[in-house]
Amino acid sequence: MSQARRAQQDAAILEKYFFDDPRFSFRGLVAYGNYGAAFRVTYKDPKRQIMGQFLVKKAFATEGAVEALSREKIYLKKLRGAMHIVQMIDIPNNPLSNRSRTDLPDIGDDWVIMEWLEHGTIGSFITKARSAGFARLPNRLLWRFFLCLIRGCIAMAWPPNRNDGVVGIEEIQRTTPSKLVHNDIHAENVLLAEPPLDGEHTICPILKLIDFGVAGEWSWGEGSASAVQSNIWEIGKVMVCLIRLRVPGNVNNNGGHYFQMVDGGPQIETDAKEILPLNGQGAPCPNLDLLLGRLVCACLATNHVNRPNLEELSTIVVDAVRTRGAGFYGNITEEQDDTIPSLWRQIVNYSYD
């Protein structure tokens, strides 16, 4: 049976589960892949005056799909409380948990409910940006997207594992980082959502990592990349996509290209060929902040020992977000505070019609 057919069958079953409860309205299929499908549901509780929507992810009825979703739920529980990771949510009197329904197929536990991230994937964002006529993104938006991705890596390095409902910013801890590797960070597994009320998202949406179905915790052998180094390399790939406004980003761990972290410094081999050279004749992104470009190249260093650690990376990027205002870029229009929010909203709201 095709994936599309499986998704349609699951949609019909889930719609029946929610149909008899007036709090819910099943809105249908959002997306499907190799292992399952995702569906949008709206929620209204008149007594508590709560309205909202959420995502139901349902595994296909195959051994590999069920195993992947089970693994994902394990890691999402560990990552509860991390602002830049999609969050599982609990629904009071959840219809999917009603085991007394004999008129519907038993869906067991092969589903998970997650927060709705309304602005889609980075891949969709890039495609819309190109279609809307944008050739590049402002440096100040790129810095903030970069910080979101770094925060997601910090969450994986030190999973908060909260169960009190509090979601907060991820911070470097003074303990040994975990061995959690996402294994599948790319433009379709990073989503945009409305900015939270904090200092880091005043002019930009928040980015959140999703899809932990192939994540794992491994002991790495001597000479191989650590979990943190692997995750850092993967967010470097996403940054290349954002810088070039191109998906996929054409990044492979082949090396053969070099950059300098500082002028006159040693040549460092990198997989970031798509943004090289960073300056001078032939630079594909001449408007890119040189420091930002160097950091992305460092994340994509071919030899894992040359990649930055999370502490130094987050320190530099947090400082850039705080100190590199429009004036740093000559007060050009695209870097100004009132331009950037309207720009990214124009992109996410772009219609192909």
Protein backbone atom coordinates (compact mmCIF):
# COMPACT_ATOMS: atom_id res chain seq x y z
CA MET A 1 0.00 0.00 0.00
CA SER A 2 1.30 3.46 -0.87
CA GLN A 3 2.18 6.01 1.79
CA ALA A 4 -0.51 8.34 0.46
CA ARG A 5 -3.14 5.62 0.81
CA ARG A 6 -1.99 4.78 4.35
CA ALA A 7 -2.19 8.46 5.29
CA GLN A 8 -5.72 8.73 3.89
CA GLN A 9 -6.84 5.68 5.84
CA ASP A 10 -5.36 7.03 9.08
CA ALA A 11 -7.03 10.40 8.45
CA ALA A 12 -10.43 8.73 8.16
CA ILE A 13 -9.91 6.81 11.41
CA LEU A 14 -8.62 9.80 13.38
CA GLU A 15 -11.46 12.01 12.17
CA LYS A 16 -13.95 9.53 13.64
CA TYR A 17 -12.15 9.53 16.99
CA PHE A 18 -12.49 13.32 17.26
CA PHE A 19 -15.93 13.64 15.61
CA ASP A 20 -18.09 12.95 18.67
CA ASP A 21 -16.30 15.43 20.93
CA PRO A 22 -17.52 19.03 20.34
CA ARG A 23 -14.23 20.40 21.65
CA PHE A 24 -12.39 19.25 18.54
CA SER A 25 -12.46 19.82 14.82
CA PHE A 26 -10.34 17.53 12.66
CA ARG A 27 -8.72 19.66 9.94
CA GLY A 28 -7.04 16.92 7.97
CA LEU A 29 -3.70 15.74 6.67
CA VAL A 30 -0.72 18.07 6.90
CA ALA A 31 2.08 15.84 5.59
CA TYR A 32 3.22 12.25 5.35
CA GLY A 33 6.53 10.45 4.93
CA ASN A 34 8.13 7.03 5.08
CA TYR A 35 7.03 6.22 8.61
CA GLY A 36 3.80 8.06 9.23
CA ALA A 37 1.58 11.07 8.74
CA ALA A 38 0.71 14.27 10.58
CA PHE A 39 -2.74 15.77 11.02
CA ARG A 40 -4.04 19.12 12.28
CA VAL A 41 -6.77 19.35 14.90
CA THR A 42 -8.33 22.49 16.38
CA TYR A 43 -9.39 22.59 20.01
CA LYS A 44 -11.94 24.69 21.88
CA ASP A 45 -12.85 24.49 25.55
CA PRO A 46 -15.77 26.88 26.19
CA LYS A 47 -15.60 26.45 29.96
CA ARG A 48 -11.97 27.55 30.22
CA GLN A 49 -12.07 29.88 27.19
CA ILE A 50 -9.14 28.06 25.61
CA MET A 51 -8.76 27.85 21.85
CA GLY A 52 -5.89 26.43 19.88
CA GLN A 53 -4.66 23.72 17.58
CA PHE A 54 -2.29 20.82 17.73
CA LEU A 55 -0.66 18.18 15.56
CA VAL A 56 -1.31 14.45 15.75
CA LYS A 57 1.52 12.32 14.42
CA LYS A 58 0.44 8.76 13.64
CA ALA A 59 2.82 5.92 12.77
CA PHE A 60 1.98 3.70 9.84
CA ALA A 61 1.20 0.10 10.78
CA THR A 62 4.67 -1.22 9.98
CA GLU A 63 7.34 -2.44 12.35
CA GLY A 64 9.87 0.23 11.34
CA ALA A 65 7.34 3.05 11.62
CA VAL A 66 6.11 2.00 15.05
CA GLU A 67 9.68 1.65 16.28
CA ALA A 68 10.60 5.12 14.97
CA LEU A 69 7.64 6.78 16.68
CA SER A 70 8.34 4.96 19.92
CA ARG A 71 11.92 6.22 19.80
CA GLU A 72 10.74 9.75 19.02
CA LYS A 73 8.41 9.80 22.03
CA ILE A 74 11.27 8.73 24.30
CA TYR A 75 13.42 11.64 23.19
CA LEU A 76 10.61 14.18 23.11
CA LYS A 77 9.91 13.34 26.75
CA LYS A 78 13.56 13.94 27.60
CA LEU A 79 13.44 17.23 25.69
CA ARG A 80 10.31 18.54 27.38
CA GLY A 81 10.90 22.11 28.49
CA ALA A 82 13.29 23.02 25.66
CA MET A 83 12.06 26.09 23.82
CA HIS A 84 13.69 25.22 20.49
CA ILE A 85 12.44 21.64 20.34
CA VAL A 86 8.87 20.80 19.33
CA GLN A 87 6.93 20.03 22.49
CA MET A 88 4.60 17.15 23.26
CA ILE A 89 1.32 18.31 24.75
CA ASP A 90 -1.30 16.63 26.90
CA ILE A 91 -4.99 16.94 26.05
CA PRO A 92 -7.53 16.48 28.88
CA ASN A 93 -9.86 13.55 28.19
CA ASN A 94 -8.02 12.80 24.96
CA PRO A 95 -10.33 10.89 22.57
CA LEU A 96 -7.37 8.91 21.25
CA SER A 97 -6.87 7.42 24.70
CA ASN A 98 -10.44 6.13 24.87
CA ARG A 99 -10.01 2.36 24.84
CA SER A 100 -13.75 1.75 25.26
CA ARG A 101 -14.53 2.59 21.63
CA THR A 102 -15.50 -0.68 19.99
CA ASP A 103 -16.81 0.94 16.82
CA LEU A 104 -13.35 2.10 15.70
CA PRO A 105 -10.04 0.36 15.01
CA ASP A 106 -7.75 0.32 18.04
CA ILE A 107 -4.86 2.69 17.29
CA GLY A 108 -2.96 1.67 20.41
CA ASP A 109 -0.17 4.03 21.38
CA ASP A 110 1.20 4.57 17.89
CA TRP A 111 0.54 8.31 17.95
CA VAL A 112 1.80 11.45 19.65
CA ILE A 113 0.28 14.91 20.07
CA MET A 114 2.56 17.89 19.59
CA GLU A 115 2.29 21.66 19.50
CA TRP A 116 1.22 23.22 16.22
CA LEU A 117 4.02 25.20 14.56
CA GLU A 118 2.11 27.44 12.23
CA HIS A 119 4.69 28.82 9.81
CA GLY A 120 5.93 25.63 8.18
CA THR A 121 9.38 24.28 7.45
CA ILE A 122 12.59 26.07 6.64
CA GLY A 123 12.46 24.34 3.27
CA SER A 124 9.07 25.87 2.54
CA PHE A 125 10.28 29.24 3.84
CA ILE A 126 13.23 29.20 1.44
CA THR A 127 11.08 28.19 -1.52
CA LYS A 128 8.58 30.94 -0.74
CA ALA A 129 11.37 33.50 -0.33
CA ARG A 130 12.72 32.68 -3.77
CA SER A 131 9.24 32.75 -5.30
CA ALA A 132 8.57 36.13 -3.66
CA GLY A 133 11.69 37.53 -5.32
CA PHE A 134 14.16 37.56 -2.43
CA ALA A 135 17.79 36.83 -3.29
CA ARG A 136 19.07 36.78 0.29
CA LEU A 137 18.05 37.17 3.92
CA PRO A 138 19.23 39.99 6.19
CA ASN A 139 22.29 39.20 8.28
CA ARG A 140 20.44 40.04 11.48
CA LEU A 141 17.75 37.47 10.63
CA LEU A 142 20.41 34.87 9.78
CA TRP A 143 22.16 35.47 13.11
CA ARG A 144 18.90 34.87 14.97
CA PHE A 145 18.07 31.74 13.00
CA PHE A 146 21.59 30.50 13.76
CA LEU A 147 21.06 31.10 17.47
CA CYS A 148 17.79 29.16 17.40
CA LEU A 149 19.59 26.19 15.87
CA ILE A 150 22.38 26.44 18.43
CA ARG A 151 19.81 26.50 21.23
CA GLY A 152 18.34 23.31 19.79
CA CYS A 153 21.79 21.70 19.95
CA ILE A 154 22.17 22.84 23.56
CA ALA A 155 18.84 21.18 24.36
CA MET A 156 20.07 17.89 22.93
CA ALA A 157 23.36 18.20 24.80
CA TRP A 158 21.57 18.85 28.11
CA PRO A 159 17.96 17.61 27.80
CA PRO A 160 15.81 19.44 30.40
CA ASN A 161 13.48 16.46 30.96
CA ARG A 162 10.86 18.67 32.65
CA ASN A 163 7.39 17.52 33.61
CA ASP A 164 6.06 20.75 35.14
CA GLY A 165 4.91 22.35 31.89
CA VAL A 166 7.58 25.06 31.98
CA VAL A 167 9.33 25.74 28.66
CA GLY A 168 12.47 27.86 28.78
CA ILE A 169 15.54 29.01 26.92
CA GLU A 170 18.30 26.43 26.66
CA GLU A 171 21.55 27.26 28.45
CA ILE A 172 25.03 25.73 28.58
CA GLN A 173 25.44 23.45 31.60
CA ARG A 174 28.60 22.65 33.55
CA THR A 175 28.07 18.92 33.24
CA THR A 176 29.12 16.40 30.61
CA PRO A 177 26.86 16.73 27.55
CA SER A 178 24.64 13.84 26.55
CA LYS A 179 25.32 11.51 23.65
CA LEU A 180 22.07 12.40 21.90
CA VAL A 181 22.37 12.80 18.14
CA HIS A 182 19.43 13.92 16.03
CA ASN A 183 20.77 12.27 12.86
CA ASP A 184 18.32 14.00 10.53
CA ILE A 185 18.55 17.79 10.83
CA HIS A 186 17.69 19.34 7.48
CA ALA A 187 15.45 22.06 6.07
CA GLU A 188 12.27 19.98 6.37
CA ASN A 189 12.92 19.08 10.01
CA VAL A 190 13.23 22.66 11.25
CA LEU A 191 9.97 24.57 11.64
CA LEU A 192 9.09 28.22 12.21
CA ALA A 193 6.56 29.49 14.73
CA GLU A 194 5.39 32.77 16.22
CA PRO A 195 8.07 34.55 18.27
CA PRO A 196 7.87 34.07 22.04
CA LEU A 197 8.00 37.10 24.30
CA ASP A 198 11.71 37.17 25.03
CA GLY A 199 14.77 39.15 24.05
CA GLU A 200 16.05 36.79 21.38
CA HIS A 201 12.99 36.74 19.12
CA THR A 202 11.90 40.37 19.06
CA ILE A 203 12.23 40.66 15.27
CA CYS A 204 12.19 37.03 14.15
CA PRO A 205 10.18 33.82 14.39
CA ILE A 206 11.40 30.98 16.56
CA LEU A 207 12.88 27.88 14.93
CA LYS A 208 12.24 24.45 16.43
CA LEU A 209 13.73 21.05 15.67
CA ILE A 210 11.30 18.23 14.93
CA ASP A 211 11.35 14.53 13.98
CA PHE A 212 13.46 12.51 16.40
CA GLY A 213 12.51 9.19 14.82
CA VAL A 214 16.09 8.28 13.92
CA ALA A 215 17.76 9.97 16.89
CA GLY A 216 20.04 7.94 19.10
CA GLU A 217 22.52 7.95 21.95
CA TRP A 218 25.79 6.38 20.99
CA SER A 219 29.24 5.97 22.43
CA TRP A 220 31.60 7.34 19.85
CA GLY A 221 34.92 5.67 19.20
CA GLU A 222 38.24 7.43 19.37
CA GLY A 223 38.77 9.58 16.29
CA SER A 224 35.08 9.99 15.47
CA ALA A 225 32.83 12.99 16.04
CA SER A 226 31.00 13.38 19.34
CA ALA A 227 27.24 13.80 19.51
CA VAL A 228 27.61 17.56 19.91
CA GLN A 229 30.02 17.80 16.97
CA SER A 230 27.66 15.79 14.78
CA ASN A 231 24.68 18.00 15.63
CA ILE A 232 26.75 21.14 15.04
CA TRP A 233 27.72 19.91 11.58
CA GLU A 234 24.05 19.30 10.75
CA ILE A 235 22.90 22.79 11.76
CA GLY A 236 25.72 24.13 9.58
CA LYS A 237 24.00 22.48 6.63
CA VAL A 238 20.75 24.28 7.44
CA MET A 239 22.58 27.59 7.67
CA VAL A 240 24.03 27.08 4.19
CA CYS A 241 20.49 26.58 2.90
CA LEU A 242 19.38 29.82 4.57
CA ILE A 243 22.39 31.81 3.40
CA ARG A 244 22.07 30.65 -0.20
CA LEU A 245 18.25 30.48 -0.10
CA ARG A 246 18.55 27.08 -1.69
CA VAL A 247 17.23 23.62 -0.80
CA PRO A 248 18.85 21.21 -0.59
CA GLY A 249 22.04 22.99 0.40
CA ASN A 250 24.42 20.69 -1.49
CA VAL A 251 26.60 19.99 1.55
CA ASN A 252 28.54 16.74 1.77
CA ASN A 253 31.27 15.63 4.13
CA ASN A 254 33.86 15.57 1.35
CA GLY A 255 36.09 18.49 2.30
CA GLY A 256 38.49 19.86 -0.27
CA HIS A 257 37.71 23.53 0.46
CA TYR A 258 39.36 25.88 2.94
CA PHE A 259 38.76 29.04 4.94
CA GLN A 260 40.48 31.08 7.64
CA MET A 261 38.78 31.71 10.97
CA VAL A 262 40.86 34.88 11.33
CA ASP A 263 42.84 36.85 8.78
CA GLY A 264 46.29 35.32 8.49
CA GLY A 265 45.21 32.24 10.44
CA PRO A 266 45.63 28.62 9.39
CA GLN A 267 43.68 27.18 6.49
CA ILE A 268 40.85 24.98 7.81
CA GLU A 269 39.22 22.35 5.62
CA THR A 270 35.44 22.70 5.43
CA ASP A 271 32.39 21.24 3.71
CA ALA A 272 30.86 24.70 3.24
CA LYS A 273 31.92 25.08 -0.39
CA GLU A 274 28.55 26.64 -1.32
CA ILE A 275 29.38 29.88 0.52
CA LEU A 276 33.08 30.06 -0.39
CA PRO A 277 35.00 32.23 -0.89
CA LEU A 278 33.57 34.32 1.92
CA ASN A 279 34.82 37.61 0.51
CA GLY A 280 36.70 39.08 -2.41
CA GLN A 281 36.40 38.18 -6.06
CA GLY A 282 33.99 35.35 -6.77
CA ALA A 283 32.28 35.41 -3.37
CA PRO A 284 28.77 33.95 -3.89
CA CYS A 285 27.37 35.87 -0.89
CA PRO A 286 29.18 39.24 -0.84
CA ASN A 287 26.69 40.75 1.62
CA LEU A 288 27.13 37.99 4.19
CA ASP A 289 28.62 39.07 7.53
CA LEU A 290 32.18 37.68 7.42
CA LEU A 291 32.08 36.45 11.02
CA LEU A 292 28.79 34.65 10.41
CA GLY A 293 30.22 33.00 7.32
CA ARG A 294 33.33 31.91 9.18
CA LEU A 295 31.30 30.37 11.99
CA VAL A 296 29.16 28.39 9.55
CA CYS A 297 32.32 27.17 7.83
CA ALA A 298 33.68 26.15 11.24
CA CYS A 299 30.50 24.21 12.05
CA LEU A 300 31.03 22.38 8.77
CA ALA A 301 34.73 21.73 9.35
CA THR A 302 35.57 18.45 7.63
CA ASN A 303 37.64 17.31 10.60
CA HIS A 304 35.38 17.27 13.65
CA VAL A 305 38.17 18.50 15.93
CA ASN A 306 38.05 21.86 14.13
CA ARG A 307 34.37 22.43 14.87
CA PRO A 308 33.54 24.91 17.65
CA ASN A 309 32.09 23.69 20.93
CA LEU A 310 28.66 24.85 22.00
CA GLU A 311 29.94 27.22 24.66
CA GLU A 312 32.17 29.26 22.37
CA LEU A 313 29.67 29.11 19.52
CA SER A 314 26.74 30.30 21.61
CA THR A 315 28.82 33.02 23.28
CA ILE A 316 29.82 34.54 19.93
CA VAL A 317 26.37 34.28 18.37
CA VAL A 318 24.52 35.64 21.41
CA ASP A 319 26.89 38.62 21.38
CA ALA A 320 26.28 39.19 17.66
CA VAL A 321 22.51 39.09 18.14
CA ARG A 322 22.75 41.62 20.97
CA THR A 323 25.32 44.01 19.53
CA ARG A 324 25.11 43.90 15.73
CA GLY A 325 22.20 46.22 15.13
CA ALA A 326 21.22 47.93 11.91
CA GLY A 327 23.99 50.47 12.45
CA PHE A 328 26.62 47.74 12.22
CA TYR A 329 25.43 47.15 8.65
CA GLY A 330 25.32 50.81 7.68
CA ASN A 331 21.62 51.23 8.53
CA ILE A 332 20.57 49.74 5.21
CA THR A 333 16.83 49.15 5.00
CA GLU A 334 16.89 45.34 5.03
CA GLU A 335 18.73 45.24 8.37
CA GLN A 336 16.43 47.59 10.27
CA ASP A 337 14.16 46.56 13.13
CA ASP A 338 10.92 47.45 11.39
CA THR A 339 11.90 45.82 8.10
CA ILE A 340 12.91 42.35 9.28
CA PRO A 341 9.55 41.37 10.90
CA SER A 342 7.60 42.48 7.85
CA LEU A 343 10.05 40.65 5.59
CA TRP A 344 9.78 37.25 7.25
CA ARG A 345 6.01 37.58 7.58
CA GLN A 346 5.76 38.44 3.91
CA ILE A 347 7.64 35.22 3.15
CA VAL A 348 5.63 32.88 5.39
CA ASN A 349 2.36 34.37 4.12
CA TYR A 350 3.38 34.20 0.47
CA SER A 351 0.79 32.56 -1.77
CA TYR A 352 1.66 30.89 -5.06
CA ASP A 353 -1.76 31.77 -6.51
